Amino acid sequence: MRLFGYARVSTGQQSLEIQLKALKDAGVEEHRLFKDKATGSHIERSGLEALRQKVEQGDVILVKKLDRLGRDTADMVNLIKEFSNQGVSIRFLDDGISTEGAMGKMVITILAAVAEAERARILERTNEGRLEAKAKGIQFGRKPSIDSAKIKQLYEAGMGATEIAKQMKIGRSTVYKLLNCK
């Protein structure tokens, strides 16, 4: 039996270190660690694909948490089936569950469905909050671009950089930067 580890974070700004440390502490060797910095909403991930190619019958894959393997219930069930058909089991360290045995597979399927439902509720609450904020007049997105022609016009009319910055609601350094570029 060989131990493999899989770690995933959703964005490049997040760190894999906590997951990787837990996997190493559980006995996974460095060269058997597979990782992704990608969303868990689909299974087309380079680290997961490499892991799928590497494991063989009798191997065990360790994952820190259930949602690190994936978020979509159908994908999770298919991955578990795929690994199970290869004779590979999966253990989730924080959840204390494993695909070894029928009961473990059932529990994982249920937990994956719960994780997917929770993700849907989070998105729903986020969208409700965004709509409420818009109704209150809060604007989203990039700030409008700076009218450099107006800045130049104000400067040529004798207005100082500090006053231009206050009027245009921008930094004084931005005023100087735009004036030097023109």
C-alpha atoms as a PDB file:
ATOM      1  CA  MET A   1       0.000   0.000   0.000  1.00  0.00           C
ATOM      2  CA  ARG A   2       1.372   3.373  -1.067  1.00  0.00           C
ATOM      3  CA  LEU A   3       0.092   6.657   0.362  1.00  0.00           C
ATOM      4  CA  PHE A   4      -0.646   9.551  -1.959  1.00  0.00           C
ATOM      5  CA  GLY A   5      -1.822  13.018  -0.976  1.00  0.00           C
ATOM      6  CA  TYR A   6      -4.037  15.529  -2.744  1.00  0.00           C
ATOM      7  CA  ALA A   7      -4.385  19.204  -1.795  1.00  0.00           C
ATOM      8  CA  ARG A   8      -6.362  21.972  -3.488  1.00  0.00           C
ATOM      9  CA  VAL A   9      -7.109  25.637  -2.978  1.00  0.00           C
ATOM     10  CA  SER A  10      -9.480  27.669  -5.108  1.00  0.00           C
ATOM     11  CA  THR A  11      -7.251  30.621  -5.974  1.00  0.00           C
ATOM     12  CA  GLY A  12      -3.607  31.455  -6.438  1.00  0.00           C
ATOM     13  CA  GLN A  13      -3.784  33.825  -3.448  1.00  0.00           C
ATOM     14  CA  GLN A  14      -4.600  30.967  -1.054  1.00  0.00           C
ATOM     15  CA  SER A  15      -1.942  28.757   0.498  1.00  0.00           C
ATOM     16  CA  LEU A  16      -1.636  24.975   0.271  1.00  0.00           C
ATOM     17  CA  GLU A  17       0.784  24.812   3.211  1.00  0.00           C
ATOM     18  CA  ILE A  18      -1.667  23.695   5.939  1.00  0.00           C
ATOM     19  CA  GLN A  19      -3.002  20.876   3.769  1.00  0.00           C
ATOM     20  CA  LEU A  20       0.455  19.774   2.636  1.00  0.00           C
ATOM     21  CA  LYS A  21       1.757  19.721   6.219  1.00  0.00           C
ATOM     22  CA  ALA A  22      -1.200  17.574   7.340  1.00  0.00           C
ATOM     23  CA  LEU A  23      -0.617  15.150   4.462  1.00  0.00           C
ATOM     24  CA  LYS A  24       3.121  14.885   5.219  1.00  0.00           C
ATOM     25  CA  ASP A  25       2.374  14.402   8.935  1.00  0.00           C
ATOM     26  CA  ALA A  26       0.064  11.528   7.933  1.00  0.00           C
ATOM     27  CA  GLY A  27       2.971   9.811   6.162  1.00  0.00           C
ATOM     28  CA  VAL A  28       2.742  10.965   2.544  1.00  0.00           C
ATOM     29  CA  GLU A  29       6.160  11.370   0.941  1.00  0.00           C
ATOM     30  CA  GLU A  30       6.920  14.631  -0.877  1.00  0.00           C
ATOM     31  CA  HIS A  31       7.063  13.017  -4.347  1.00  0.00           C
ATOM     32  CA  ARG A  32       3.575  11.553  -3.836  1.00  0.00           C
ATOM     33  CA  LEU A  33       1.886  14.884  -3.131  1.00  0.00           C
ATOM     34  CA  PHE A  34      -0.394  16.247  -5.853  1.00  0.00           C
ATOM     35  CA  LYS A  35      -1.814  19.739  -5.714  1.00  0.00           C
ATOM     36  CA  ASP A  36      -3.999  22.190  -7.579  1.00  0.00           C
ATOM     37  CA  LYS A  37      -4.784  25.883  -7.358  1.00  0.00           C
ATOM     38  CA  ALA A  38      -8.142  25.702  -9.124  1.00  0.00           C
ATOM     39  CA  THR A  39     -11.853  25.642  -8.420  1.00  0.00           C
ATOM     40  CA  GLY A  40     -13.348  22.405  -7.171  1.00  0.00           C
ATOM     41  CA  SER A  41     -16.476  22.829  -9.281  1.00  0.00           C
ATOM     42  CA  HIS A  42     -15.025  20.649 -12.043  1.00  0.00           C
ATOM     43  CA  ILE A  43     -12.558  17.764 -12.215  1.00  0.00           C
ATOM     44  CA  GLU A  44     -10.349  19.039 -15.050  1.00  0.00           C
ATOM     45  CA  ARG A  45      -7.391  19.877 -12.808  1.00  0.00           C
ATOM     46  CA  SER A  46      -3.779  19.072 -13.661  1.00  0.00           C
ATOM     47  CA  GLY A  47      -2.796  17.816 -10.204  1.00  0.00           C
ATOM     48  CA  LEU A  48      -5.863  15.607  -9.910  1.00  0.00           C
ATOM     49  CA  GLU A  49      -5.296  14.258 -13.420  1.00  0.00           C
ATOM     50  CA  ALA A  50      -1.677  13.383 -12.592  1.00  0.00           C
ATOM     51  CA  LEU A  51      -2.831  11.639  -9.410  1.00  0.00           C
ATOM     52  CA  ARG A  52      -5.425   9.639 -11.349  1.00  0.00           C
ATOM     53  CA  GLN A  53      -2.681   8.427 -13.686  1.00  0.00           C
ATOM     54  CA  LYS A  54      -0.249   7.524 -10.899  1.00  0.00           C
ATOM     55  CA  VAL A  55      -2.324   5.457  -8.444  1.00  0.00           C
ATOM     56  CA  GLU A  56      -2.661   1.672  -8.649  1.00  0.00           C
ATOM     57  CA  GLN A  57      -4.639  -1.040  -6.919  1.00  0.00           C
ATOM     58  CA  GLY A  58      -4.081  -1.088  -3.166  1.00  0.00           C
ATOM     59  CA  ASP A  59      -3.011   2.567  -2.969  1.00  0.00           C
ATOM     60  CA  VAL A  60      -4.625   5.027  -0.568  1.00  0.00           C
ATOM     61  CA  ILE A  61      -5.218   8.710  -1.319  1.00  0.00           C
ATOM     62  CA  LEU A  62      -5.259  11.090   1.648  1.00  0.00           C
ATOM     63  CA  VAL A  63      -7.138  14.387   1.419  1.00  0.00           C
ATOM     64  CA  LYS A  64      -7.377  16.840   4.320  1.00  0.00           C
ATOM     65  CA  LYS A  65     -11.079  17.680   3.841  1.00  0.00           C
ATOM     66  CA  LEU A  66     -13.904  16.378   1.657  1.00  0.00           C
ATOM     67  CA  ASP A  67     -14.423  19.683  -0.167  1.00  0.00           C
ATOM     68  CA  ARG A  68     -10.750  19.755  -1.229  1.00  0.00           C
ATOM     69  CA  LEU A  69     -11.371  16.846  -3.620  1.00  0.00           C
ATOM     70  CA  GLY A  70     -14.368  18.574  -5.217  1.00  0.00           C
ATOM     71  CA  ARG A  71     -17.578  20.522  -4.720  1.00  0.00           C
ATOM     72  CA  ASP A  72     -19.915  18.956  -7.258  1.00  0.00           C
ATOM     73  CA  THR A  73     -21.675  15.852  -5.901  1.00  0.00           C
ATOM     74  CA  ALA A  74     -21.859  14.057  -9.245  1.00  0.00           C
ATOM     75  CA  ASP A  75     -18.144  14.646  -9.873  1.00  0.00           C
ATOM     76  CA  MET A  76     -17.260  13.464  -6.355  1.00  0.00           C
ATOM     77  CA  VAL A  77     -19.306  10.289  -6.729  1.00  0.00           C
ATOM     78  CA  ASN A  78     -17.736   9.605 -10.139  1.00  0.00           C
ATOM     79  CA  LEU A  79     -14.217  10.163  -8.779  1.00  0.00           C
ATOM     80  CA  ILE A  80     -14.882   7.866  -5.831  1.00  0.00           C
ATOM     81  CA  LYS A  81     -16.259   5.204  -8.203  1.00  0.00           C
ATOM     82  CA  GLU A  82     -13.306   5.589 -10.543  1.00  0.00           C
ATOM     83  CA  PHE A  83     -10.783   5.170  -7.733  1.00  0.00           C
ATOM     84  CA  SER A  84     -12.799   2.342  -6.199  1.00  0.00           C
ATOM     85  CA  ASN A  85     -12.854   0.483  -9.555  1.00  0.00           C
ATOM     86  CA  GLN A  86      -9.051   0.752  -9.598  1.00  0.00           C
ATOM     87  CA  GLY A  87      -8.884  -0.677  -6.086  1.00  0.00           C
ATOM     88  CA  VAL A  88      -7.811   2.701  -4.661  1.00  0.00           C
ATOM     89  CA  SER A  89      -9.383   4.068  -1.481  1.00  0.00           C
ATOM     90  CA  ILE A  90      -9.634   7.652  -0.268  1.00  0.00           C
ATOM     91  CA  ARG A  91      -9.348   8.827   3.335  1.00  0.00           C
ATOM     92  CA  PHE A  92     -10.411  12.296   4.456  1.00  0.00           C
ATOM     93  CA  LEU A  93      -8.256  13.259   7.426  1.00  0.00           C
ATOM     94  CA  ASP A  94     -10.372  15.984   9.070  1.00  0.00           C
ATOM     95  CA  ASP A  95     -13.670  14.180   8.509  1.00  0.00           C
ATOM     96  CA  GLY A  96     -12.377  10.819   9.751  1.00  0.00           C
ATOM     97  CA  ILE A  97     -14.051   8.946   6.901  1.00  0.00           C
ATOM     98  CA  SER A  98     -12.843   6.652   4.157  1.00  0.00           C
ATOM     99  CA  THR A  99     -14.175   5.052   0.994  1.00  0.00           C
ATOM    100  CA  GLU A 100     -13.065   1.695   2.373  1.00  0.00           C
ATOM    101  CA  GLY A 101     -16.289  -0.266   2.797  1.00  0.00           C
ATOM    102  CA  ALA A 102     -19.881   0.343   1.721  1.00  0.00           C
ATOM    103  CA  MET A 103     -20.754   2.540   4.716  1.00  0.00           C
ATOM    104  CA  GLY A 104     -17.843   4.876   4.017  1.00  0.00           C
ATOM    105  CA  LYS A 105     -18.907   5.350   0.402  1.00  0.00           C
ATOM    106  CA  MET A 106     -22.460   6.154   1.472  1.00  0.00           C
ATOM    107  CA  VAL A 107     -21.317   8.709   4.054  1.00  0.00           C
ATOM    108  CA  ILE A 108     -19.029  10.414   1.533  1.00  0.00           C
ATOM    109  CA  THR A 109     -21.838  10.651  -1.030  1.00  0.00           C
ATOM    110  CA  ILE A 110     -24.111  12.266   1.564  1.00  0.00           C
ATOM    111  CA  LEU A 111     -21.407  14.687   2.742  1.00  0.00           C
ATOM    112  CA  ALA A 112     -20.584  15.666  -0.845  1.00  0.00           C
ATOM    113  CA  ALA A 113     -24.266  16.476  -1.443  1.00  0.00           C
ATOM    114  CA  VAL A 114     -24.349  18.566   1.743  1.00  0.00           C
ATOM    115  CA  ALA A 115     -21.176  20.442   0.689  1.00  0.00           C
ATOM    116  CA  GLU A 116     -22.686  21.190  -2.719  1.00  0.00           C
ATOM    117  CA  ALA A 117     -25.932  22.436  -1.129  1.00  0.00           C
ATOM    118  CA  GLU A 118     -23.964  24.660   1.254  1.00  0.00           C
ATOM    119  CA  ARG A 119     -22.029  26.142  -1.654  1.00  0.00           C
ATOM    120  CA  ALA A 120     -25.321  26.906  -3.431  1.00  0.00           C
ATOM    121  CA  ARG A 121     -26.670  28.600  -0.280  1.00  0.00           C
ATOM    122  CA  ILE A 122     -23.509  30.711   0.024  1.00  0.00           C
ATOM    123  CA  LEU A 123     -23.871  31.863  -3.600  1.00  0.00           C
ATOM    124  CA  GLU A 124     -27.548  32.622  -3.038  1.00  0.00           C
ATOM    125  CA  ARG A 125     -26.812  34.708   0.088  1.00  0.00           C
ATOM    126  CA  THR A 126     -23.989  36.517  -1.719  1.00  0.00           C
ATOM    127  CA  ASN A 127     -26.281  37.414  -4.618  1.00  0.00           C
ATOM    128  CA  GLU A 128     -29.021  38.588  -2.233  1.00  0.00           C
ATOM    129  CA  GLY A 129     -26.501  40.799  -0.446  1.00  0.00           C
ATOM    130  CA  ARG A 130     -25.255  42.221  -3.737  1.00  0.00           C
ATOM    131  CA  LEU A 131     -28.821  43.061  -4.851  1.00  0.00           C
ATOM    132  CA  GLU A 132     -29.562  44.693  -1.493  1.00  0.00           C
ATOM    133  CA  ALA A 133     -26.362  46.751  -1.691  1.00  0.00           C
ATOM    134  CA  LYS A 134     -27.221  47.891  -5.236  1.00  0.00           C
ATOM    135  CA  ALA A 135     -30.690  48.913  -4.052  1.00  0.00           C
ATOM    136  CA  LYS A 136     -28.973  51.089  -1.403  1.00  0.00           C
ATOM    137  CA  GLY A 137     -26.913  52.768  -4.126  1.00  0.00           C
ATOM    138  CA  ILE A 138     -23.618  50.971  -3.581  1.00  0.00           C
ATOM    139  CA  GLN A 139     -21.709  50.680  -6.833  1.00  0.00           C
ATOM    140  CA  PHE A 140     -19.628  47.656  -7.821  1.00  0.00           C
ATOM    141  CA  GLY A 141     -16.794  47.325 -10.290  1.00  0.00           C
ATOM    142  CA  ARG A 142     -13.927  49.542 -11.306  1.00  0.00           C
ATOM    143  CA  LYS A 143     -13.952  53.217 -10.547  1.00  0.00           C
ATOM    144  CA  PRO A 144     -14.652  55.407 -13.550  1.00  0.00           C
ATOM    145  CA  SER A 145     -11.539  56.293 -15.506  1.00  0.00           C
ATOM    146  CA  ILE A 146      -9.878  59.611 -14.781  1.00  0.00           C
ATOM    147  CA  ASP A 147     -10.563  62.466 -17.181  1.00  0.00           C
ATOM    148  CA  SER A 148      -6.961  63.458 -17.916  1.00  0.00           C
ATOM    149  CA  ALA A 149      -8.051  66.204 -20.315  1.00  0.00           C
ATOM    150  CA  LYS A 150      -9.983  67.911 -17.509  1.00  0.00           C
ATOM    151  CA  ILE A 151      -6.969  67.614 -15.201  1.00  0.00           C
ATOM    152  CA  LYS A 152      -4.759  69.283 -17.818  1.00  0.00           C
ATOM    153  CA  GLN A 153      -7.405  71.983 -18.384  1.00  0.00           C
ATOM    154  CA  LEU A 154      -7.636  72.752 -14.647  1.00  0.00           C
ATOM    155  CA  TYR A 155      -3.844  72.855 -14.348  1.00  0.00           C
ATOM    156  CA  GLU A 156      -3.503  75.217 -17.313  1.00  0.00           C
ATOM    157  CA  ALA A 157      -6.181  77.436 -15.752  1.00  0.00           C
ATOM    158  CA  GLY A 158      -3.851  77.894 -12.765  1.00  0.00           C
ATOM    159  CA  MET A 159      -5.245  75.401 -10.305  1.00  0.00           C
ATOM    160  CA  GLY A 160      -2.658  73.595  -8.155  1.00  0.00           C
ATOM    161  CA  ALA A 161      -2.227  69.827  -7.995  1.00  0.00           C
ATOM    162  CA  THR A 162      -3.610  69.575  -4.444  1.00  0.00           C
ATOM    163  CA  GLU A 163      -6.811  71.391  -5.376  1.00  0.00           C
ATOM    164  CA  ILE A 164      -7.192  69.343  -8.585  1.00  0.00           C
ATOM    165  CA  ALA A 165      -6.763  66.137  -6.571  1.00  0.00           C
ATOM    166  CA  LYS A 166      -9.487  67.214  -4.100  1.00  0.00           C
ATOM    167  CA  GLN A 167     -11.892  68.237  -6.859  1.00  0.00           C
ATOM    168  CA  MET A 168     -11.321  65.071  -8.925  1.00  0.00           C
ATOM    169  CA  LYS A 169     -11.251  62.844  -5.800  1.00  0.00           C
ATOM    170  CA  ILE A 170      -7.911  61.307  -6.728  1.00  0.00           C
ATOM    171  CA  GLY A 171      -4.454  61.315  -5.211  1.00  0.00           C
ATOM    172  CA  ARG A 172      -2.115  64.242  -5.770  1.00  0.00           C
ATOM    173  CA  SER A 173       0.540  61.858  -7.080  1.00  0.00           C
ATOM    174  CA  THR A 174      -1.953  60.712  -9.725  1.00  0.00           C
ATOM    175  CA  VAL A 175      -2.371  64.329 -10.828  1.00  0.00           C
ATOM    176  CA  TYR A 176       1.392  64.745 -11.191  1.00  0.00           C
ATOM    177  CA  LYS A 177       1.693  61.427 -12.994  1.00  0.00           C
ATOM    178  CA  LEU A 178      -0.963  62.401 -15.544  1.00  0.00           C
ATOM    179  CA  LEU A 179       0.469  65.882 -16.056  1.00  0.00           C
ATOM    180  CA  ASN A 180       3.994  64.538 -16.675  1.00  0.00           C
ATOM    181  CA  CYS A 181       2.725  61.979 -19.202  1.00  0.00           C
ATOM    182  CA  LYS A 182       1.038  64.562 -21.381  1.00  0.00           C
END
